[in-house]
């Protein structure tokens, strides 16, 4: 099994996170989100976002590395949904570059995220997934995430539906 390193991101890592986020999105959402929208999801825009957010966020953001090379990103922390109790944390992002798919890195990242959320005192974890993203939905279901019935439209170049999933930690 290949092992990954979880590097806690600092504001100095905004560029690395921005590049990873843009590249991972293009791969994960190809054929789901229109190309025109994905083309606008640039490393520069994502770097600016992380540079603004990292200094003040309550989330833990990680760069995932294999053999010292960045292969993905992970972010989790308090749930952003107002209808959830404070005992529910949220996995806000878990993305891997395509070359890292199918090597067990996702399983390690999910184990790390749920373990950290548990250590932070959360009893449940939530996340949002696009209904059209069957690959991600199957991945999350393997770890016990089940839809809780809440669905919302989201516009990402076109209107899509996303579903909230929750698991007991």
Foldseek 3Di string as FASTA:
>chain_A
DFDKDWAFDALVCLLVQLQQVLQQCCVQCVVPFDPVLSVVSHSVVSSVVSNVARVDDQKTKTFIDTPNHGFWIWIKAADPDPVDDRLEIETEDTTGHPVCPPPCVSVVRVVVVVVVSVVVRHFKYKYKDWPVRPVVVVVVVVVPWDFPPDKDWDDRVHTTIITMTMGTD
